[in-house]
C-alpha atoms as a PDB file:
ATOM      1  CA  MET A   1      58.989 118.015-152.399  1.00  0.00           C
ATOM      2  CA  GLU A   2      57.758 119.560-155.470  1.00  0.00           C
ATOM      3  CA  GLU A   3      55.372 121.957-153.132  1.00  0.00           C
ATOM      4  CA  THR A   4      58.598 123.059-151.422  1.00  0.00           C
ATOM      5  CA  MET A   5      60.890 123.881-154.742  1.00  0.00           C
ATOM      6  CA  ALA A   6      57.409 125.250-156.003  1.00  0.00           C
ATOM      7  CA  MET A   7      57.134 127.877-153.131  1.00  0.00           C
ATOM      8  CA  ARG A   8      61.225 128.476-152.614  1.00  0.00           C
ATOM      9  CA  ALA A   9      60.772 129.478-156.606  1.00  0.00           C
ATOM     10  CA  GLU A  10      58.311 132.048-156.119  1.00  0.00           C
ATOM     11  CA  TRP A  11      59.506 133.667-153.406  1.00  0.00           C
ATOM     12  CA  ALA A  12      62.991 133.598-154.732  1.00  0.00           C
ATOM     13  CA  GLU A  13      60.882 135.410-157.554  1.00  0.00           C
ATOM     14  CA  ARG A  14      59.327 137.934-154.829  1.00  0.00           C
ATOM     15  CA  VAL A  15      62.798 138.650-153.950  1.00  0.00           C
ATOM     16  CA  GLU A  16      63.733 139.859-157.211  1.00  0.00           C
ATOM     17  CA  ARG A  17      60.907 141.968-157.435  1.00  0.00           C
ATOM     18  CA  TRP A  18      61.560 143.772-154.520  1.00  0.00           C
ATOM     19  CA  LYS A  19      65.430 144.172-155.508  1.00  0.00           C
ATOM     20  CA  ARG A  20      64.079 145.415-158.734  1.00  0.00           C
ATOM     21  CA  SER A  21      61.580 147.872-157.353  1.00  0.00           C
ATOM     22  CA  GLY A  22      64.288 150.157-155.195  1.00  0.00           C
ATOM     23  CA  LEU A  23      61.948 149.988-152.416  1.00  0.00           C
ATOM     24  CA  GLY A  24      62.431 148.994-148.662  1.00  0.00           C
ATOM     25  CA  ALA A  25      61.328 145.862-147.508  1.00  0.00           C
ATOM     26  CA  GLU A  26      58.801 146.816-145.617  1.00  0.00           C
ATOM     27  CA  THR A  27      57.105 149.003-147.977  1.00  0.00           C
ATOM     28  CA  PHE A  28      57.556 146.383-150.645  1.00  0.00           C
ATOM     29  CA  ALA A  29      56.120 143.651-148.487  1.00  0.00           C
ATOM     30  CA  ARG A  30      53.360 145.412-147.118  1.00  0.00           C
ATOM     31  CA  ARG A  31      52.424 146.569-150.645  1.00  0.00           C
ATOM     32  CA  GLU A  32      52.558 142.706-151.695  1.00  0.00           C
ATOM     33  CA  GLY A  33      50.509 141.422-148.815  1.00  0.00           C
ATOM     34  CA  TYR A  34      53.506 140.047-146.829  1.00  0.00           C
ATOM     35  CA  LYS A  35      55.998 140.553-143.986  1.00  0.00           C
ATOM     36  CA  PRO A  36      59.416 142.357-144.478  1.00  0.00           C
ATOM     37  CA  LYS A  37      60.758 139.324-142.721  1.00  0.00           C
ATOM     38  CA  GLN A  38      59.916 136.600-145.038  1.00  0.00           C
ATOM     39  CA  LEU A  39      61.548 138.856-147.951  1.00  0.00           C
ATOM     40  CA  TYR A  40      64.904 138.469-145.294  1.00  0.00           C
ATOM     41  CA  TRP A  41      64.321 135.070-144.417  1.00  0.00           C
ATOM     42  CA  CYS A  42      64.011 134.098-148.298  1.00  0.00           C
ATOM     43  CA  ALA A  43      66.853 136.317-149.148  1.00  0.00           C
ATOM     44  CA  GLY A  44      69.251 134.594-147.275  1.00  0.00           C
ATOM     45  CA  SER A  45      68.053 131.295-147.783  1.00  0.00           C
ATOM     46  CA  CYS A  46      66.802 130.848-151.334  1.00  0.00           C
ATOM     47  CA  GLY A  47      70.582 130.477-152.246  1.00  0.00           C
ATOM     48  CA  SER A  48      71.941 131.238-155.649  1.00  0.00           C
ATOM     49  CA  THR A  49      68.741 132.228-156.541  1.00  0.00           C
ATOM     50  CA  ALA A  50      68.402 135.588-154.102  1.00  0.00           C
ATOM     51  CA  PRO A  51      70.149 138.442-154.825  1.00  0.00           C
ATOM     52  CA  ARG A  52      73.370 138.911-154.613  1.00  0.00           C
ATOM     53  CA  SER A  53      73.511 141.428-152.545  1.00  0.00           C
ATOM     54  CA  HIS A  54      71.196 139.756-149.913  1.00  0.00           C
ATOM     55  CA  ARG A  55      73.200 136.241-149.963  1.00  0.00           C
ATOM     56  CA  ARG A  56      74.620 134.881-146.691  1.00  0.00           C
ATOM     57  CA  ARG A  57      78.463 135.810-145.840  1.00  0.00           C
ATOM     58  CA  ARG A  58      80.245 132.763-144.470  1.00  0.00           C
END
């Protein structure tokens, strides 16, 4: 469980860096070495740690 929480925190930080960068998901992800869909997934799944503009609307 700690490992899952650590991964979630790591991805939440990546999403934050992405949003601060001003780059598109594809450009940012490729530069960082992962896939854009991973950013989108985390932005929608990381709950309150994801930037407001990427939280799921219900």
